[in-house]
Amino acid sequence: MIIYNTKIANCVVINLKTNYIICKKIYIKLLTSSVFGVILYSTNKKQAKEAAKMTKSVYSIVLSDDVVAAIDKMAYSLGTNRSGLINQILAEKVSYITPEQRVKHIIDMVLDNINDSLTFQSLSNSTNLMLKSAVKYKYNPTVKYAVTLTPNRDILGELRVTLRTQNSSLLEELDKFLHRWTKWEKKYISDKLPHTVKYSIREGRFDRELAMAKSIKTDDDAAAAVWDYINIFDAALKQYFHSGGKDDEKTYAETVKKCRHVI
């Protein structure tokens, strides 16, 4: 059996026998308990604030070496870490749906909608989704769509669109399209969004915040909203290059009217 002592920020847990914690000469006496409990005190206000946002805390627990080895092996095979896997196992045991499980469900639902126009590329971790699409232009450049989901009251996540190319003409045309796209969004959907979304346009890249629309009531709604946005964007981009840069504002306006959720 082993006891994991913990170091965090300016806080050091050093003596479990006498039930004391030393944090920069601050001594905190632990309440007597049949099970070791650890109180972590941080003098870093910024880190404490970030930890509160995540609604996660650090705990000291007693585990068998063999159990820890098995957990680590399983965590590695699943592409996660020890804490994440233990958190998932305990959540399932008490029938609690974690934010990570919500995100996984949303991603799975998006993947169920994939068609020939978009290809699933990879999952770099449990909160990211990578898709790619080929644009009919010189050398058929590939557009990549990276979605990071962090669902909360106001923000569903972020979309990053990238087109890696050294072709200056292609980059110039993409820039024109992106400015037209944001112009259409301001004209047709800005009044349907809960707040003004943040976005940025750089050479070969478009970053956009995905808002949590009021119409999104379930994770299935969120998945449909993410898929619709990417699919509409991809179709409009391909049409733009296929038509030689002609404006297709009318088709965009008609398409977004049919969408249940605007993000």
Protein backbone atom coordinates (compact mmCIF):
# COMPACT_ATOMS: atom_id res chain seq x y z
CA MET A 1 0.00 0.00 0.00
CA ILE A 2 1.26 3.50 -0.75
CA ILE A 3 0.22 7.00 0.22
CA TYR A 4 0.62 9.67 -2.44
CA ASN A 5 1.92 12.93 -0.99
CA THR A 6 0.98 15.93 -3.08
CA LYS A 7 2.82 19.07 -4.25
CA ILE A 8 0.72 21.84 -5.72
CA ALA A 9 1.73 25.46 -6.49
CA ASN A 10 3.14 26.90 -3.24
CA CYS A 11 1.60 24.16 -1.11
CA VAL A 12 3.49 21.09 0.14
CA VAL A 13 1.88 18.20 2.02
CA ILE A 14 4.70 16.86 4.22
CA ASN A 15 3.58 15.11 7.37
CA LEU A 16 0.54 12.83 7.46
CA LYS A 17 1.52 11.20 10.75
CA THR A 18 1.06 14.36 12.78
CA ASN A 19 -1.81 15.50 10.55
CA TYR A 20 -0.19 18.82 9.56
CA ILE A 21 0.18 20.56 6.22
CA ILE A 22 2.91 23.17 5.71
CA CYS A 23 2.28 25.89 3.12
CA LYS A 24 4.89 28.61 3.28
CA LYS A 25 4.93 28.53 7.11
CA ILE A 26 1.13 28.31 7.26
CA TYR A 27 0.13 25.39 9.46
CA ILE A 28 -3.30 23.85 9.05
CA LYS A 29 -4.39 21.14 11.45
CA LEU A 30 -6.45 18.37 9.88
CA LEU A 31 -9.63 17.09 11.46
CA THR A 32 -9.18 13.63 12.96
CA SER A 33 -10.58 10.99 10.65
CA SER A 34 -10.44 7.22 10.24
CA VAL A 35 -9.40 7.89 6.64
CA PHE A 36 -6.56 10.24 5.75
CA GLY A 37 -7.95 13.54 4.49
CA VAL A 38 -5.81 16.25 2.93
CA ILE A 39 -6.61 19.96 2.78
CA LEU A 40 -4.69 21.80 0.09
CA TYR A 41 -4.06 25.48 0.57
CA SER A 42 -2.72 27.62 -2.25
CA THR A 43 -1.32 31.13 -1.85
CA ASN A 44 -1.71 31.66 -5.61
CA LYS A 45 -5.11 33.35 -6.07
CA LYS A 46 -5.05 32.98 -9.87
CA GLN A 47 -4.52 29.22 -9.66
CA ALA A 48 -7.22 28.91 -7.00
CA LYS A 49 -9.65 30.80 -9.26
CA GLU A 50 -8.86 28.55 -12.24
CA ALA A 51 -9.29 25.44 -10.08
CA ALA A 52 -12.70 26.70 -8.94
CA LYS A 53 -13.77 27.13 -12.58
CA MET A 54 -12.89 23.51 -13.31
CA THR A 55 -14.81 22.36 -10.21
CA LYS A 56 -12.08 19.83 -9.57
CA SER A 57 -9.99 19.40 -6.44
CA VAL A 58 -6.93 17.43 -5.44
CA TYR A 59 -7.43 14.50 -3.04
CA SER A 60 -5.02 12.11 -1.36
CA ILE A 61 -6.17 8.50 -1.49
CA VAL A 62 -4.72 5.14 -0.49
CA LEU A 63 -4.52 2.61 -3.32
CA SER A 64 -2.96 -0.76 -3.90
CA ASP A 65 0.17 -0.72 -6.08
CA ASP A 66 -1.33 -3.41 -8.31
CA VAL A 67 -4.53 -1.39 -8.77
CA VAL A 68 -2.55 1.73 -9.71
CA ALA A 69 -0.50 -0.27 -12.23
CA ALA A 70 -3.68 -1.64 -13.83
CA ILE A 71 -5.26 1.83 -13.91
CA ASP A 72 -2.17 3.33 -15.55
CA LYS A 73 -2.10 0.58 -18.18
CA MET A 74 -5.77 1.08 -19.03
CA ALA A 75 -5.43 4.89 -19.02
CA TYR A 76 -2.54 4.68 -21.50
CA SER A 77 -4.53 2.41 -23.83
CA LEU A 78 -7.46 4.86 -23.74
CA GLY A 79 -5.30 7.94 -24.35
CA THR A 80 -6.05 9.50 -20.97
CA ASN A 81 -4.29 9.78 -17.59
CA ARG A 82 -4.70 8.18 -14.19
CA SER A 83 -6.82 10.97 -12.70
CA GLY A 84 -9.08 11.16 -15.72
CA LEU A 85 -9.74 7.41 -15.77
CA ILE A 86 -10.38 7.18 -12.02
CA ASN A 87 -12.75 10.14 -12.29
CA GLN A 88 -14.59 8.42 -15.17
CA ILE A 89 -14.85 5.08 -13.35
CA LEU A 90 -16.20 6.67 -10.17
CA ALA A 91 -18.65 8.82 -12.15
CA GLU A 92 -20.04 5.74 -13.91
CA LYS A 93 -20.31 3.93 -10.57
CA VAL A 94 -22.47 6.69 -9.07
CA SER A 95 -24.34 7.36 -12.35
CA TYR A 96 -22.95 10.89 -12.75
CA ILE A 97 -22.47 12.34 -16.24
CA THR A 98 -19.18 14.22 -16.35
CA PRO A 99 -18.42 17.15 -18.71
CA GLU A 100 -15.98 14.84 -20.53
CA GLN A 101 -18.75 12.30 -21.11
CA ARG A 102 -21.02 15.04 -22.44
CA VAL A 103 -18.35 16.16 -24.89
CA LYS A 104 -17.69 12.58 -26.01
CA HIS A 105 -21.39 12.08 -26.69
CA ILE A 106 -21.58 15.30 -28.74
CA ILE A 107 -18.52 14.28 -30.78
CA ASP A 108 -19.91 10.79 -31.39
CA MET A 109 -23.18 12.32 -32.64
CA VAL A 110 -21.29 14.65 -35.00
CA LEU A 111 -19.33 11.70 -36.39
CA ASP A 112 -22.58 9.85 -37.06
CA ASN A 113 -23.48 12.62 -39.54
CA ILE A 114 -20.27 12.50 -41.57
CA ASN A 115 -20.81 12.16 -45.30
CA ASP A 116 -18.62 12.07 -48.40
CA SER A 117 -17.93 15.82 -48.32
CA LEU A 118 -16.03 15.67 -45.02
CA THR A 119 -13.57 13.13 -43.67
CA PHE A 120 -12.87 12.29 -40.05
CA GLN A 121 -9.18 12.85 -39.41
CA SER A 122 -8.36 12.22 -35.78
CA LEU A 123 -9.20 12.78 -32.14
CA SER A 124 -6.19 14.39 -30.48
CA ASN A 125 -8.00 14.08 -27.14
CA SER A 126 -11.50 13.57 -25.76
CA THR A 127 -12.57 17.21 -26.28
CA ASN A 128 -11.25 17.72 -29.82
CA LEU A 129 -12.65 16.74 -33.19
CA MET A 130 -10.66 16.96 -36.42
CA LEU A 131 -12.25 16.87 -39.88
CA LYS A 132 -10.81 17.58 -43.31
CA SER A 133 -12.16 18.43 -46.73
CA ALA A 134 -10.66 18.86 -50.20
CA VAL A 135 -11.27 22.08 -52.13
CA LYS A 136 -11.44 21.94 -55.93
CA TYR A 137 -8.68 24.37 -56.73
CA LYS A 138 -5.12 24.01 -57.99
CA TYR A 139 -3.59 20.90 -56.40
CA ASN A 140 -6.82 20.24 -54.45
CA PRO A 141 -5.69 21.81 -51.15
CA THR A 142 -7.02 20.36 -47.90
CA VAL A 143 -9.06 22.39 -45.44
CA LYS A 144 -8.93 21.23 -41.82
CA TYR A 145 -11.68 21.81 -39.27
CA ALA A 146 -10.65 21.51 -35.61
CA VAL A 147 -13.44 21.70 -33.04
CA THR A 148 -12.70 22.08 -29.35
CA LEU A 149 -15.79 21.61 -27.19
CA THR A 150 -16.14 23.25 -23.78
CA PRO A 151 -19.91 23.38 -23.31
CA ASN A 152 -21.16 25.81 -20.67
CA ARG A 153 -23.94 28.37 -20.31
CA ASP A 154 -22.65 30.76 -23.00
CA ILE A 155 -19.98 28.97 -25.04
CA LEU A 156 -20.25 25.61 -26.78
CA GLY A 157 -16.65 25.64 -27.98
CA GLU A 158 -14.39 26.92 -30.74
CA LEU A 159 -13.90 26.14 -34.41
CA ARG A 160 -10.56 26.55 -36.13
CA VAL A 161 -10.40 26.35 -39.92
CA THR A 162 -6.95 26.11 -41.51
CA LEU A 163 -5.71 25.89 -45.07
CA ARG A 164 -2.00 25.15 -45.24
CA THR A 165 -0.58 26.32 -48.53
CA GLN A 166 2.19 28.51 -49.88
CA ASN A 167 0.04 29.57 -52.84
CA SER A 168 -0.44 33.32 -52.39
CA SER A 169 -3.39 33.43 -54.83
CA LEU A 170 -5.20 30.73 -52.88
CA LEU A 171 -4.59 32.48 -49.57
CA GLU A 172 -5.87 35.72 -51.04
CA GLU A 173 -9.07 34.07 -52.27
CA LEU A 174 -9.60 32.38 -48.91
CA ASP A 175 -9.24 35.74 -47.18
CA LYS A 176 -11.90 37.22 -49.47
CA PHE A 177 -14.26 34.35 -48.74
CA LEU A 178 -13.78 34.61 -44.98
CA HIS A 179 -14.56 38.32 -44.97
CA ARG A 180 -17.70 37.69 -47.04
CA TRP A 181 -18.66 34.84 -44.70
CA THR A 182 -18.40 36.99 -41.55
CA LYS A 183 -20.34 39.72 -43.34
CA TRP A 184 -23.17 37.24 -44.05
CA GLU A 185 -23.14 36.03 -40.46
CA LYS A 186 -23.50 39.56 -39.10
CA LYS A 187 -26.34 40.19 -41.52
CA TYR A 188 -28.35 36.97 -41.14
CA ILE A 189 -27.62 35.32 -37.79
CA SER A 190 -26.12 37.84 -35.35
CA ASP A 191 -29.58 38.71 -33.96
CA LYS A 192 -30.21 35.00 -33.25
CA LEU A 193 -27.05 34.54 -31.16
CA PRO A 194 -27.04 35.00 -27.35
CA HIS A 195 -24.07 37.35 -27.60
CA THR A 196 -21.55 38.72 -30.10
CA VAL A 197 -19.22 35.85 -30.96
CA LYS A 198 -15.48 36.35 -31.18
CA TYR A 199 -13.63 35.46 -34.37
CA SER A 200 -10.32 36.16 -36.06
CA ILE A 201 -9.05 35.95 -39.62
CA ARG A 202 -5.38 35.38 -40.28
CA GLU A 203 -3.43 34.14 -43.28
CA GLY A 204 -4.83 30.71 -44.05
CA ARG A 205 -6.77 30.50 -40.79
CA PHE A 206 -10.20 31.29 -39.35
CA ASP A 207 -10.98 31.00 -35.63
CA ARG A 208 -14.54 31.36 -34.42
CA GLU A 209 -16.27 31.01 -31.09
CA LEU A 210 -19.30 28.70 -31.11
CA ALA A 211 -22.08 30.17 -29.01
CA MET A 212 -24.48 28.17 -26.87
CA ALA A 213 -27.76 29.11 -28.52
CA LYS A 214 -30.90 29.22 -26.38
CA SER A 215 -32.50 26.64 -28.66
CA ILE A 216 -29.87 24.07 -27.64
CA LYS A 217 -31.52 22.03 -24.89
CA THR A 218 -29.74 18.69 -25.21
CA ASP A 219 -26.34 17.31 -26.24
CA ASP A 220 -27.98 15.99 -29.41
CA ASP A 221 -29.02 19.58 -30.22
CA ALA A 222 -25.41 20.71 -29.66
CA ALA A 223 -24.10 18.00 -31.99
CA ALA A 224 -26.60 18.98 -34.70
CA ALA A 225 -25.61 22.63 -34.36
CA VAL A 226 -21.88 21.89 -34.69
CA TRP A 227 -22.41 19.63 -37.70
CA ASP A 228 -24.72 22.10 -39.46
CA TYR A 229 -22.27 24.97 -39.03
CA ILE A 230 -19.27 23.04 -40.36
CA ASN A 231 -21.26 21.52 -43.21
CA ILE A 232 -22.71 24.87 -44.32
CA PHE A 233 -19.31 26.57 -44.08
CA ASP A 234 -17.62 23.78 -46.07
CA ALA A 235 -20.30 23.80 -48.77
CA ALA A 236 -20.12 27.58 -49.14
CA LEU A 237 -16.31 27.50 -49.32
CA LYS A 238 -16.31 24.83 -52.02
CA GLN A 239 -18.97 26.65 -54.01
CA TYR A 240 -16.96 29.86 -53.81
CA PHE A 241 -13.86 28.27 -55.34
CA HIS A 242 -15.86 26.19 -57.83
CA SER A 243 -17.61 29.29 -59.16
CA GLY A 244 -14.41 31.27 -59.45
CA GLY A 245 -15.10 33.54 -56.49
CA LYS A 246 -18.72 34.44 -57.23
CA ASP A 247 -20.87 35.55 -54.32
CA ASP A 248 -23.45 32.99 -53.15
CA GLU A 249 -25.14 35.01 -50.43
CA LYS A 250 -28.66 33.97 -51.45
CA THR A 251 -27.95 30.25 -50.97
CA TYR A 252 -26.38 30.97 -47.57
CA ALA A 253 -29.39 32.99 -46.43
CA GLU A 254 -31.82 30.26 -47.51
CA THR A 255 -29.74 27.54 -45.83
CA VAL A 256 -29.38 29.17 -42.41
CA LYS A 257 -33.14 29.78 -42.30
CA LYS A 258 -33.64 26.01 -42.25
CA CYS A 259 -31.24 25.46 -39.35
CA ARG A 260 -32.84 24.69 -35.98
CA HIS A 261 -29.86 25.98 -34.05
CA VAL A 262 -27.60 28.94 -34.78
CA ILE A 263 -24.24 28.96 -33.03
